[in-house]
């Protein structure tokens, strides 16, 4: 339907992209003791010698790579993608949420730097896997970071539209359920979506997270009058339900993000900015190096056949 003919059709995700809206990735890694010591081959954080060349990756590495490869092409040139750890101690001091750093410092411009920082984490002998599995400090940090990136004062006097996606990788059920529900309700009014990914083989994930999501939905409805423009922004997926294929998981949960982005700006009565120049994507941001073939990469209205990759976009 052409919007010029049918005025009831509102702005689309493509309209926001054309106006310069960018999507920022933030990721958080579960560093609780339940993962197992990184030096143990049974640990979910175990990094084998062959994983260093990218041929064999653990579940956390696969998820970082999948979400990073898909979303790095949507970030602005000035954006960085933070990687946080939670549930650990540095020395004997509990660290509810802290930035992971590597050879590139903190804040990363591409997935390669994020992968390096993750691997570098376990070279720091001061970092001890601990607990509990509290995610509300991570969400709080995501809310603050998301608000900073979406400050008013963009092009042509409009709003510099930046929408953040927080991906939390976890190997355990949430310990701080009530606090997490409260902070998710608050987060629903800011330009943020939250994706919780379960790694490992815990069969209780699905039922427990389903109950958690239902409670968030109830909380948002109850607080609807006081939390203007509140939305349900949390999704959950377990990696084992996708046979360990992090790219399939990421593709599935990210399909709902364009709708969430459009819904946020509609509820804030913010129209897309005037179209800007076409973004220039590097080849590595369009094509991946993943094993499946025949997928299609879309760069705005240009469709590119990814013959030896399964490059994916949000479109």
Protein backbone atom coordinates (compact mmCIF):
# COMPACT_ATOMS: atom_id res chain seq x y z
CA UNK A 1 0.00 0.00 0.00
CA UNK A 2 1.35 3.38 -0.92
CA UNK A 3 1.26 5.77 2.05
CA UNK A 4 0.66 8.71 -0.31
CA UNK A 5 -2.59 7.03 -1.36
CA UNK A 6 -3.57 5.58 1.99
CA UNK A 7 -2.78 8.09 4.79
CA UNK A 8 -3.73 5.54 7.47
CA UNK A 9 -0.48 3.67 6.88
CA UNK A 10 2.12 4.95 9.33
CA UNK A 11 5.90 5.15 9.05
CA UNK A 12 7.79 1.90 8.59
CA UNK A 13 11.09 0.62 9.92
CA UNK A 14 12.62 1.49 6.54
CA UNK A 15 11.41 5.07 6.91
CA UNK A 16 13.24 5.36 10.22
CA UNK A 17 16.39 3.79 8.76
CA UNK A 18 16.26 6.20 5.81
CA UNK A 19 16.02 9.06 8.30
CA UNK A 20 19.24 8.02 9.98
CA UNK A 21 17.92 5.85 12.80
CA UNK A 22 20.62 3.46 13.95
CA UNK A 23 20.42 0.33 16.06
CA UNK A 24 22.96 -0.23 18.80
CA UNK A 25 23.90 -3.63 20.24
CA UNK A 26 24.76 -4.16 23.90
CA UNK A 27 25.62 -7.64 25.20
CA UNK A 28 26.03 -9.11 28.68
CA UNK A 29 27.75 -12.39 29.55
CA UNK A 30 26.86 -14.69 32.45
CA UNK A 31 30.01 -15.09 34.58
CA UNK A 32 28.45 -17.12 37.38
CA UNK A 33 30.16 -20.23 38.73
CA UNK A 34 27.44 -22.46 37.30
CA UNK A 35 29.17 -22.19 33.92
CA UNK A 36 32.16 -24.13 35.23
CA UNK A 37 35.76 -23.01 35.46
CA UNK A 38 36.97 -21.75 32.05
CA UNK A 39 40.03 -24.04 32.17
CA UNK A 40 37.79 -27.11 32.36
CA UNK A 41 36.82 -28.58 28.98
CA UNK A 42 33.25 -29.09 30.26
CA UNK A 43 32.83 -25.39 31.05
CA UNK A 44 30.51 -23.31 28.89
CA UNK A 45 33.30 -20.71 28.89
CA UNK A 46 35.99 -23.14 27.79
CA UNK A 47 37.97 -21.78 24.85
CA UNK A 48 39.88 -24.48 23.03
CA UNK A 49 43.00 -23.88 20.97
CA UNK A 50 41.06 -24.43 17.74
CA UNK A 51 38.45 -21.86 18.77
CA UNK A 52 41.07 -19.14 18.49
CA UNK A 53 40.95 -19.39 14.68
CA UNK A 54 37.15 -19.35 14.71
CA UNK A 55 36.56 -22.94 13.62
CA UNK A 56 35.20 -24.25 16.94
CA UNK A 57 33.42 -21.80 19.23
CA UNK A 58 31.67 -22.21 22.56
CA UNK A 59 28.02 -21.23 22.95
CA UNK A 60 28.80 -17.74 24.24
CA UNK A 61 31.19 -17.08 21.34
CA UNK A 62 28.61 -18.31 18.83
CA UNK A 63 25.98 -15.95 20.25
CA UNK A 64 28.34 -12.96 20.29
CA UNK A 65 29.25 -13.67 16.68
CA UNK A 66 25.66 -14.15 15.51
CA UNK A 67 24.17 -10.99 17.05
CA UNK A 68 27.29 -8.94 16.31
CA UNK A 69 27.44 -9.92 12.64
CA UNK A 70 23.78 -9.09 12.10
CA UNK A 71 23.62 -5.81 14.01
CA UNK A 72 27.02 -4.19 13.45
CA UNK A 73 25.86 -2.94 10.05
CA UNK A 74 23.07 -0.92 11.67
CA UNK A 75 25.27 1.06 14.04
CA UNK A 76 26.43 4.60 13.37
CA UNK A 77 30.11 5.31 12.74
CA UNK A 78 30.37 6.90 16.18
CA UNK A 79 28.66 4.02 18.00
CA UNK A 80 30.43 1.37 20.01
CA UNK A 81 29.01 -1.99 21.08
CA UNK A 82 29.62 -2.59 24.80
CA UNK A 83 30.18 -6.05 26.23
CA UNK A 84 29.47 -6.50 29.93
CA UNK A 85 30.02 -9.30 32.40
CA UNK A 86 27.82 -10.02 35.41
CA UNK A 87 27.76 -12.45 38.32
CA UNK A 88 31.53 -12.42 38.91
CA UNK A 89 33.97 -11.15 41.49
CA UNK A 90 37.13 -9.20 40.80
CA UNK A 91 39.38 -10.47 43.52
CA UNK A 92 36.92 -10.86 46.38
CA UNK A 93 34.76 -7.89 45.39
CA UNK A 94 31.36 -8.76 43.82
CA UNK A 95 30.78 -7.05 40.48
CA UNK A 96 27.07 -7.05 39.54
CA UNK A 97 27.84 -5.61 36.08
CA UNK A 98 31.16 -4.47 34.65
CA UNK A 99 32.64 -3.72 31.24
CA UNK A 100 34.76 -6.41 29.62
CA UNK A 101 37.87 -5.05 28.00
CA UNK A 102 40.50 -6.40 25.67
CA UNK A 103 43.31 -5.24 23.43
CA UNK A 104 40.97 -2.53 22.11
CA UNK A 105 39.88 -1.18 25.48
CA UNK A 106 36.15 -0.91 26.27
CA UNK A 107 33.44 -0.38 23.67
CA UNK A 108 33.84 -2.13 20.34
CA UNK A 109 33.23 -1.16 16.74
CA UNK A 110 32.86 -4.68 15.31
CA UNK A 111 32.20 -8.27 16.28
CA UNK A 112 35.86 -9.25 15.98
CA UNK A 113 36.78 -6.85 18.79
CA UNK A 114 33.92 -8.20 20.93
CA UNK A 115 35.15 -11.76 20.43
CA UNK A 116 38.68 -10.72 21.38
CA UNK A 117 37.44 -9.02 24.55
CA UNK A 118 35.46 -12.09 25.58
CA UNK A 119 38.49 -14.36 25.18
CA UNK A 120 40.70 -11.81 26.94
CA UNK A 121 38.41 -11.88 30.00
CA UNK A 122 39.63 -15.28 31.12
CA UNK A 123 43.27 -14.24 30.93
CA UNK A 124 42.59 -11.91 33.85
CA UNK A 125 43.27 -14.06 36.90
CA UNK A 126 41.50 -11.51 39.12
CA UNK A 127 38.11 -12.35 37.59
CA UNK A 128 36.45 -15.17 39.51
CA UNK A 129 33.18 -16.75 38.41
CA UNK A 130 30.71 -16.37 41.25
CA UNK A 131 27.01 -15.44 41.46
CA UNK A 132 24.12 -14.96 41.91
CA UNK A 133 22.48 -14.67 38.49
CA UNK A 134 21.14 -11.13 38.96
CA UNK A 135 20.25 -9.43 35.68
CA UNK A 136 18.56 -6.29 36.94
CA UNK A 137 21.90 -4.39 37.28
CA UNK A 138 22.57 -5.28 33.63
CA UNK A 139 19.17 -3.98 32.52
CA UNK A 140 19.66 -0.82 34.59
CA UNK A 141 22.97 -0.21 32.84
CA UNK A 142 21.33 -0.87 29.48
CA UNK A 143 18.60 1.68 30.22
CA UNK A 144 21.14 4.35 31.15
CA UNK A 145 23.30 3.64 28.08
CA UNK A 146 20.26 3.58 25.79
CA UNK A 147 19.03 6.94 27.05
CA UNK A 148 22.44 8.54 26.59
CA UNK A 149 22.58 7.36 22.98
CA UNK A 150 19.13 8.72 22.14
CA UNK A 151 19.61 12.31 23.27
CA UNK A 152 17.62 15.04 21.53
CA UNK A 153 19.47 17.25 19.09
CA UNK A 154 19.75 15.35 15.86
CA UNK A 155 19.68 16.33 12.24
CA UNK A 156 17.52 19.27 11.11
CA UNK A 157 16.50 20.02 14.67
CA UNK A 158 14.85 16.61 15.03
CA UNK A 159 15.68 13.68 17.25
CA UNK A 160 18.83 11.70 16.71
CA UNK A 161 17.07 8.35 16.65
CA UNK A 162 19.11 5.58 18.22
CA UNK A 163 17.47 2.37 19.39
CA UNK A 164 19.34 -0.11 21.57
CA UNK A 165 19.10 -3.88 21.78
CA UNK A 166 20.37 -5.52 24.96
CA UNK A 167 21.20 -9.21 24.59
CA UNK A 168 21.72 -11.05 27.89
CA UNK A 169 23.34 -14.48 27.68
CA UNK A 170 22.63 -16.64 30.72
CA UNK A 171 23.09 -20.19 31.93
CA UNK A 172 20.72 -20.06 34.90
CA UNK A 173 17.28 -18.98 35.96
CA UNK A 174 16.96 -15.37 37.07
CA UNK A 175 17.67 -14.96 40.77
CA UNK A 176 16.22 -11.47 41.21
CA UNK A 177 12.80 -11.98 39.60
CA UNK A 178 10.86 -9.14 41.26
CA UNK A 179 13.59 -6.54 40.72
CA UNK A 180 14.02 -7.70 37.12
CA UNK A 181 10.29 -7.39 36.45
CA UNK A 182 10.25 -3.86 37.88
CA UNK A 183 13.23 -2.68 35.87
CA UNK A 184 11.86 -4.27 32.66
CA UNK A 185 8.62 -2.33 33.15
CA UNK A 186 10.58 0.90 33.51
CA UNK A 187 12.80 0.03 30.53
CA UNK A 188 9.72 -0.33 28.34
CA UNK A 189 9.39 3.45 28.00
CA UNK A 190 12.89 3.99 26.63
CA UNK A 191 14.27 3.09 23.14
CA UNK A 192 15.35 -0.40 24.18
CA UNK A 193 14.55 -4.04 23.49
CA UNK A 194 15.80 -6.90 25.66
CA UNK A 195 16.61 -10.40 24.44
CA UNK A 196 17.49 -13.08 27.00
CA UNK A 197 19.27 -16.09 25.51
CA UNK A 198 19.60 -19.31 27.49
CA UNK A 199 22.80 -21.25 26.92
CA UNK A 200 23.58 -24.73 28.21
CA UNK A 201 21.17 -27.63 28.50
CA UNK A 202 18.89 -26.54 31.35
CA UNK A 203 15.44 -27.90 30.48
CA UNK A 204 13.75 -25.64 33.04
CA UNK A 205 14.59 -22.47 31.11
CA UNK A 206 11.50 -22.39 28.93
CA UNK A 207 8.88 -22.83 31.66
CA UNK A 208 10.59 -20.45 34.09
CA UNK A 209 11.18 -17.76 31.49
CA UNK A 210 7.64 -18.08 30.15
CA UNK A 211 6.35 -17.36 33.66
CA UNK A 212 8.81 -14.45 33.95
CA UNK A 213 7.61 -12.91 30.67
CA UNK A 214 3.97 -13.31 31.71
CA UNK A 215 4.69 -11.45 34.96
CA UNK A 216 6.35 -8.62 33.03
CA UNK A 217 3.30 -8.37 30.79
CA UNK A 218 0.99 -8.21 33.83
CA UNK A 219 3.19 -5.60 35.48
CA UNK A 220 3.18 -3.38 32.41
CA UNK A 221 -0.62 -3.57 32.18
CA UNK A 222 -1.01 -2.70 35.87
CA UNK A 223 1.38 0.25 35.58
CA UNK A 224 0.03 1.34 32.21
CA UNK A 225 -1.51 4.53 33.56
CA UNK A 226 1.68 5.71 35.24
CA UNK A 227 4.15 4.42 32.65
CA UNK A 228 3.15 6.23 29.49
CA UNK A 229 4.09 4.53 26.23
CA UNK A 230 4.98 1.29 28.04
CA UNK A 231 5.59 -1.73 25.79
CA UNK A 232 6.42 -5.39 26.16
CA UNK A 233 10.07 -5.39 25.12
CA UNK A 234 11.47 -8.67 26.48
CA UNK A 235 11.98 -11.89 24.51
CA UNK A 236 13.53 -15.20 25.51
CA UNK A 237 15.00 -18.03 23.45
CA UNK A 238 17.01 -21.09 24.47
CA UNK A 239 19.93 -22.01 22.25
CA UNK A 240 19.26 -25.72 22.68
CA UNK A 241 15.86 -25.25 20.99
CA UNK A 242 17.75 -24.23 17.85
CA UNK A 243 20.13 -27.21 17.97
CA UNK A 244 22.91 -24.88 19.07
CA UNK A 245 22.63 -22.71 15.94
CA UNK A 246 23.03 -19.17 17.25
CA UNK A 247 22.39 -17.60 13.85
CA UNK A 248 18.98 -19.24 13.56
CA UNK A 249 18.13 -18.10 17.08
CA UNK A 250 19.25 -14.53 16.42
CA UNK A 251 17.34 -14.40 13.15
CA UNK A 252 14.17 -15.58 14.90
CA UNK A 253 14.18 -13.14 17.83
CA UNK A 254 15.39 -10.17 15.77
CA UNK A 255 12.41 -10.46 13.41
CA UNK A 256 10.26 -8.67 15.98
CA UNK A 257 12.68 -5.76 16.49
CA UNK A 258 11.51 -3.61 13.52
CA UNK A 259 7.96 -3.72 14.91
CA UNK A 260 9.19 -2.75 18.38
CA UNK A 261 11.19 0.15 16.97
CA UNK A 262 8.26 1.51 14.97
CA UNK A 263 5.95 1.07 17.98
CA UNK A 264 8.31 3.01 20.25
CA UNK A 265 8.52 6.04 17.97
CA UNK A 266 4.78 5.94 17.26
CA UNK A 267 3.98 6.02 20.97
CA UNK A 268 6.39 8.92 21.42
CA UNK A 269 4.77 10.71 18.43
CA UNK A 270 8.17 10.93 16.74
CA UNK A 271 8.15 10.84 12.96
CA UNK A 272 11.17 9.56 11.01
CA UNK A 273 13.73 12.25 10.23
CA UNK A 274 14.14 13.41 6.66
CA UNK A 275 16.01 10.85 4.54
CA UNK A 276 19.77 10.99 4.76
CA UNK A 277 22.42 9.67 2.42
CA UNK A 278 22.48 5.91 1.94
CA UNK A 279 24.69 4.26 4.59
CA UNK A 280 27.86 2.68 3.28
CA UNK A 281 28.34 -0.86 4.52
CA UNK A 282 31.66 -2.60 4.45
CA UNK A 283 31.69 -5.94 2.66
CA UNK A 284 32.26 -7.77 5.96
CA UNK A 285 29.11 -6.16 7.35
CA UNK A 286 27.00 -7.46 4.47
CA UNK A 287 28.52 -10.90 4.00
CA UNK A 288 29.23 -13.32 6.81
CA UNK A 289 31.41 -16.37 6.85
CA UNK A 290 28.79 -18.72 8.18
CA UNK A 291 28.33 -22.26 6.87
CA UNK A 292 24.83 -22.19 5.37
CA UNK A 293 24.32 -21.01 1.81
CA UNK A 294 21.60 -19.37 -0.20
CA UNK A 295 20.44 -16.69 2.20
CA UNK A 296 19.81 -13.16 1.05
CA UNK A 297 21.29 -9.95 2.40
CA UNK A 298 19.26 -6.78 2.02
CA UNK A 299 20.86 -3.33 1.98
CA UNK A 300 17.94 -0.92 1.88
CA UNK A 301 16.17 -1.70 -1.43
CA UNK A 302 19.11 -3.56 -2.92
CA UNK A 303 19.03 -7.34 -2.62
CA UNK A 304 22.34 -9.16 -2.73
CA UNK A 305 22.61 -12.92 -3.10
CA UNK A 306 24.98 -14.26 -0.49
CA UNK A 307 26.33 -17.22 -2.40
CA UNK A 308 28.70 -18.56 0.21
CA UNK A 309 27.25 -17.03 3.34
CA UNK A 310 23.99 -16.65 5.16
CA UNK A 311 24.29 -12.89 5.68
CA UNK A 312 21.14 -11.59 7.31
CA UNK A 313 19.63 -8.19 7.95
CA UNK A 314 16.74 -7.11 10.17
CA UNK A 315 14.66 -6.42 7.08
